Amino acid sequence: MKNHKILFTLIYIFSFTTALFSQSADDIIDRYVQAIGGYDRVNAIQTVKISSEADWGSREVKYSETIKRPDRILIEVSLQGMTQKRAYDGNTGWMVNPFRGSKDVEKLNRENTQSLMEQAHFEGPLINYKDKGSTVELEGKDDFEGTDVYKINLTDKNGALHTFLIDADTYLLLKEITKRKIGEKEIKSETIYGDYRQEDGLMMPHSLQVGSNGRYQDQTIKKVEFNVPVDDGIFTMPSVQP
């Protein structure tokens, strides 16, 4: 009798494992894309403007992110009357950072430029990952704050490792962890996504927690605009100081 119980247990474990891994990473990614609106909807978007806010103690920080296909992005961070700008125009990454006491325009190094190039793909690393030169692997199921999630690892063409936790029920992205080498140091960043809402046919998170090692900054998305006119000039590195 005991042998029968052991046999049934082994059969159950085998069946569960087979059912789990019969779903590939591509299957999970496809379900994720369908959950947020589908490939056609995502690929039809040519420009996006996102406005968000965060509180730093008693100070309010405003963020603005403008993206235009292909490979153009401008990120602005405003605090106490000053605005930092970081941009990539498809060839060059640059920054103006008055928070360091200077209004000079500076060209970004290779690592920071690569980070902006990745952010210029507003749909994230998972969607169309093969076209971006990345590889993926389904690690299996995990638990994230009491929710069953699929854990997918993506290695991009620059060697950075992205780990995605996707809700096993809704197939929405709940958390992303990125590890990348900058010089000799490994930099880890985490983003937790929540409060998904429809924006012009696309499910978008409106609550973000951005940080690392359990320390996060809360960020709230206030406005999302798709396919609005965007002048290419805003991405170009200024030839003179502002």
Protein backbone atom coordinates (compact mmCIF):
# COMPACT_ATOMS: atom_id res chain seq x y z
CA MET A 1 0.00 0.00 0.00
CA LYS A 2 2.83 2.34 0.90
CA ASN A 3 4.44 1.75 -2.49
CA HIS A 4 1.18 2.74 -4.21
CA LYS A 5 1.10 6.02 -2.28
CA ILE A 6 4.68 6.76 -3.27
CA LEU A 7 3.88 5.95 -6.90
CA PHE A 8 0.82 8.23 -6.91
CA THR A 9 2.88 11.02 -5.34
CA LEU A 10 5.57 10.68 -8.00
CA ILE A 11 2.95 10.66 -10.75
CA TYR A 12 1.39 13.85 -9.31
CA ILE A 13 4.75 15.61 -9.08
CA PHE A 14 5.66 14.56 -12.62
CA SER A 15 2.29 15.70 -13.98
CA PHE A 16 2.56 19.08 -12.22
CA THR A 17 6.10 19.66 -13.47
CA THR A 18 5.20 18.64 -17.02
CA ALA A 19 2.17 20.97 -17.04
CA LEU A 20 4.31 23.86 -15.80
CA PHE A 21 7.12 23.49 -18.29
CA SER A 22 4.84 22.67 -21.22
CA GLN A 23 4.40 26.43 -21.18
CA SER A 24 7.52 28.03 -22.63
CA ALA A 25 8.85 31.51 -21.96
CA ASP A 26 7.42 32.56 -25.34
CA ASP A 27 3.97 31.27 -24.31
CA ILE A 28 4.06 33.37 -21.13
CA ILE A 29 5.29 36.45 -22.98
CA ASP A 30 2.53 36.08 -25.59
CA ARG A 31 -0.09 35.85 -22.82
CA TYR A 32 1.43 38.94 -21.20
CA VAL A 33 1.25 40.90 -24.46
CA GLN A 34 -2.37 39.85 -24.99
CA ALA A 35 -3.19 40.91 -21.42
CA ILE A 36 -1.92 44.44 -21.99
CA GLY A 37 -3.56 44.90 -25.40
CA GLY A 38 -1.89 42.75 -28.06
CA TYR A 39 1.05 43.07 -30.44
CA ASP A 40 -0.86 45.11 -33.01
CA ARG A 41 -1.80 47.75 -30.45
CA VAL A 42 1.71 47.97 -28.99
CA ASN A 43 3.47 48.08 -32.36
CA ALA A 44 1.08 50.75 -33.67
CA ILE A 45 2.31 53.24 -31.07
CA GLN A 46 4.90 55.62 -32.52
CA THR A 47 5.15 58.20 -29.73
CA VAL A 48 4.33 58.23 -26.04
CA LYS A 49 4.44 60.95 -23.38
CA ILE A 50 4.21 59.97 -19.72
CA SER A 51 3.91 62.42 -16.81
CA SER A 52 4.39 61.24 -13.25
CA GLU A 53 5.01 62.53 -9.73
CA ALA A 54 6.81 61.38 -6.60
CA ASP A 55 7.21 62.77 -3.09
CA TRP A 56 10.67 63.17 -1.58
CA GLY A 57 9.69 64.00 1.97
CA SER A 58 8.15 67.47 1.75
CA ARG A 59 9.33 67.97 -1.85
CA GLU A 60 7.36 67.03 -4.94
CA VAL A 61 9.29 65.71 -7.92
CA LYS A 62 7.79 65.77 -11.41
CA TYR A 63 8.89 63.38 -14.15
CA SER A 64 8.27 63.64 -17.88
CA GLU A 65 9.22 60.94 -20.37
CA THR A 66 8.86 61.48 -24.12
CA ILE A 67 9.64 58.60 -26.49
CA LYS A 68 9.52 58.43 -30.28
CA ARG A 69 10.27 55.46 -32.49
CA PRO A 70 12.88 54.57 -33.40
CA ASP A 71 15.25 54.97 -30.46
CA ARG A 72 14.57 58.51 -29.28
CA ILE A 73 13.91 59.46 -25.69
CA LEU A 74 13.89 62.55 -23.44
CA ILE A 75 13.55 62.22 -19.66
CA GLU A 76 13.02 65.36 -17.57
CA VAL A 77 13.12 65.50 -13.76
CA SER A 78 11.90 68.76 -12.18
CA LEU A 79 12.43 69.79 -8.55
CA GLN A 80 12.43 73.19 -6.86
CA GLY A 81 12.44 75.14 -10.11
CA MET A 82 15.27 73.15 -11.73
CA THR A 83 14.99 70.52 -14.47
CA GLN A 84 17.45 67.78 -15.27
CA LYS A 85 17.36 66.49 -18.86
CA ARG A 86 18.67 63.17 -20.19
CA ALA A 87 18.17 62.28 -23.83
CA TYR A 88 19.16 59.98 -26.68
CA ASP A 89 18.61 61.02 -30.30
CA GLY A 90 19.32 57.68 -31.96
CA ASN A 91 23.09 58.28 -32.00
CA THR A 92 24.18 60.32 -28.99
CA GLY A 93 23.25 60.34 -25.32
CA TRP A 94 23.48 63.62 -23.43
CA MET A 95 22.49 65.29 -20.17
CA VAL A 96 21.97 68.68 -18.54
CA ASN A 97 22.08 68.37 -14.75
CA PRO A 98 21.56 71.63 -12.81
CA PHE A 99 21.27 69.62 -9.57
CA ARG A 100 25.06 69.35 -9.71
CA GLY A 101 25.38 73.12 -9.95
CA SER A 102 26.00 73.29 -13.70
CA LYS A 103 23.92 74.11 -16.77
CA ASP A 104 26.50 72.68 -19.15
CA VAL A 105 25.51 70.02 -21.66
CA GLU A 106 27.56 66.84 -21.33
CA LYS A 107 27.81 63.76 -23.51
CA LEU A 108 26.94 60.54 -21.69
CA ASN A 109 29.30 57.59 -21.43
CA ARG A 110 28.61 54.27 -23.13
CA GLU A 111 26.90 52.61 -20.13
CA ASN A 112 24.49 55.49 -19.47
CA THR A 113 23.77 55.82 -23.18
CA GLN A 114 22.93 52.10 -23.37
CA SER A 115 20.52 52.52 -20.46
CA LEU A 116 18.70 55.31 -22.32
CA MET A 117 18.63 53.21 -25.50
CA GLU A 118 16.85 50.46 -23.58
CA GLN A 119 14.36 52.93 -22.09
CA ALA A 120 13.62 54.22 -25.58
CA HIS A 121 11.83 50.89 -26.13
CA PHE A 122 8.84 51.99 -24.08
CA GLU A 123 7.20 48.58 -24.39
CA GLY A 124 10.04 47.12 -22.31
CA PRO A 125 12.64 44.43 -23.01
CA LEU A 126 10.21 41.47 -23.19
CA ILE A 127 8.12 42.50 -26.18
CA ASN A 128 9.84 41.73 -29.50
CA TYR A 129 12.86 40.58 -27.48
CA LYS A 130 14.34 38.56 -30.36
CA ASP A 131 14.46 41.65 -32.58
CA LYS A 132 16.43 43.38 -29.79
CA GLY A 133 19.06 40.62 -29.68
CA SER A 134 17.97 39.20 -26.32
CA THR A 135 17.42 35.64 -25.07
CA VAL A 136 14.88 34.42 -22.51
CA GLU A 137 14.45 31.50 -20.13
CA LEU A 138 11.43 30.44 -18.07
CA GLU A 139 12.77 29.67 -14.60
CA GLY A 140 9.42 28.37 -13.33
CA LYS A 141 6.83 29.53 -10.82
CA ASP A 142 7.47 31.63 -7.74
CA ASP A 143 5.58 33.60 -5.10
CA PHE A 144 5.49 37.40 -5.04
CA GLU A 145 3.75 38.88 -1.99
CA GLY A 146 1.25 36.01 -1.92
CA THR A 147 0.63 35.92 -5.68
CA ASP A 148 1.71 33.05 -7.93
CA VAL A 149 3.99 34.38 -10.65
CA TYR A 150 5.97 33.09 -13.59
CA LYS A 151 9.65 33.98 -13.39
CA ILE A 152 11.31 34.80 -16.71
CA ASN A 153 14.98 35.71 -17.10
CA LEU A 154 16.04 37.82 -20.07
CA THR A 155 19.65 38.50 -21.03
CA ASP A 156 19.98 41.45 -23.36
CA LYS A 157 22.63 41.96 -26.04
CA ASN A 158 24.72 44.08 -23.64
CA GLY A 159 24.85 41.33 -21.01
CA ALA A 160 22.38 42.82 -18.52
CA LEU A 161 20.11 40.32 -16.75
CA HIS A 162 16.42 41.23 -16.40
CA THR A 163 14.11 39.11 -14.24
CA PHE A 164 10.35 39.49 -14.76
CA LEU A 165 7.63 38.31 -12.38
CA ILE A 166 4.37 37.88 -14.29
CA ASP A 167 1.06 37.21 -12.53
CA ALA A 168 0.10 33.58 -13.25
CA ASP A 169 -3.60 34.53 -13.32
CA THR A 170 -3.81 37.93 -15.04
CA TYR A 171 -0.48 37.70 -16.92
CA LEU A 172 0.30 41.31 -16.01
CA LEU A 173 3.86 42.25 -15.09
CA LEU A 174 4.25 42.74 -11.33
CA LYS A 175 7.99 43.22 -10.85
CA GLU A 176 11.18 43.69 -12.84
CA ILE A 177 14.71 43.26 -11.48
CA THR A 178 17.71 44.36 -13.55
CA LYS A 179 21.38 43.61 -12.91
CA ARG A 180 24.02 45.21 -15.10
CA LYS A 181 27.75 45.73 -14.94
CA ILE A 182 29.03 49.32 -14.98
CA GLY A 183 32.79 49.15 -14.91
CA GLU A 184 33.68 46.65 -12.22
CA LYS A 185 30.47 47.19 -10.24
CA GLU A 186 27.17 45.32 -10.57
CA ILE A 187 24.21 47.68 -10.34
CA LYS A 188 20.84 46.29 -9.32
CA SER A 189 17.52 48.08 -9.83
CA GLU A 190 13.95 46.99 -9.12
CA THR A 191 10.54 48.22 -10.24
CA ILE A 192 7.21 47.05 -8.81
CA TYR A 193 4.15 47.71 -11.01
CA GLY A 194 0.56 48.16 -9.87
CA ASP A 195 -2.77 49.96 -10.35
CA TYR A 196 -3.18 48.87 -13.99
CA ARG A 197 -5.66 50.94 -16.02
CA GLN A 198 -6.73 51.17 -19.65
CA GLU A 199 -5.06 53.94 -21.64
CA ASP A 200 -6.30 54.09 -25.23
CA GLY A 201 -6.67 50.32 -25.46
CA LEU A 202 -3.46 49.48 -23.60
CA MET A 203 -3.20 48.32 -19.97
CA MET A 204 -0.69 50.57 -18.22
CA PRO A 205 0.57 50.54 -14.61
CA HIS A 206 -0.13 53.82 -12.81
CA SER A 207 1.69 52.98 -9.60
CA LEU A 208 5.44 52.32 -9.57
CA GLN A 209 7.86 51.54 -6.77
CA VAL A 210 11.40 52.11 -7.96
CA GLY A 211 14.51 51.25 -5.98
CA SER A 212 16.69 48.39 -4.83
CA ASN A 213 17.22 46.02 -1.90
CA GLY A 214 13.81 46.70 -0.38
CA ARG A 215 14.12 50.51 -0.43
CA TYR A 216 11.71 52.08 -2.89
CA GLN A 217 10.42 55.43 -4.05
CA ASP A 218 6.72 55.60 -4.87
CA GLN A 219 5.89 57.12 -8.24
CA THR A 220 2.39 57.84 -9.58
CA ILE A 221 1.59 58.08 -13.29
CA LYS A 222 -0.63 61.12 -13.87
CA LYS A 223 -1.01 61.24 -17.64
CA VAL A 224 -0.27 59.00 -20.63
CA GLU A 225 -0.53 60.18 -24.25
CA PHE A 226 0.00 57.98 -27.31
CA ASN A 227 0.76 59.01 -30.90
CA VAL A 228 0.90 62.74 -30.23
CA PRO A 229 3.10 64.97 -32.42
CA VAL A 230 6.70 65.12 -31.12
CA ASP A 231 9.40 67.35 -32.65
CA ASP A 232 12.67 65.45 -33.25
CA GLY A 233 14.57 68.53 -32.12
CA ILE A 234 13.84 67.92 -28.44
CA PHE A 235 16.07 64.83 -28.51
CA THR A 236 19.06 66.55 -30.15
CA MET A 237 22.05 67.52 -28.02
CA PRO A 238 22.15 71.34 -27.85
CA SER A 239 25.09 72.91 -29.67
CA VAL A 240 25.14 75.82 -27.17
CA GLN A 241 24.52 75.93 -23.45
CA PRO A 242 20.85 76.54 -22.46
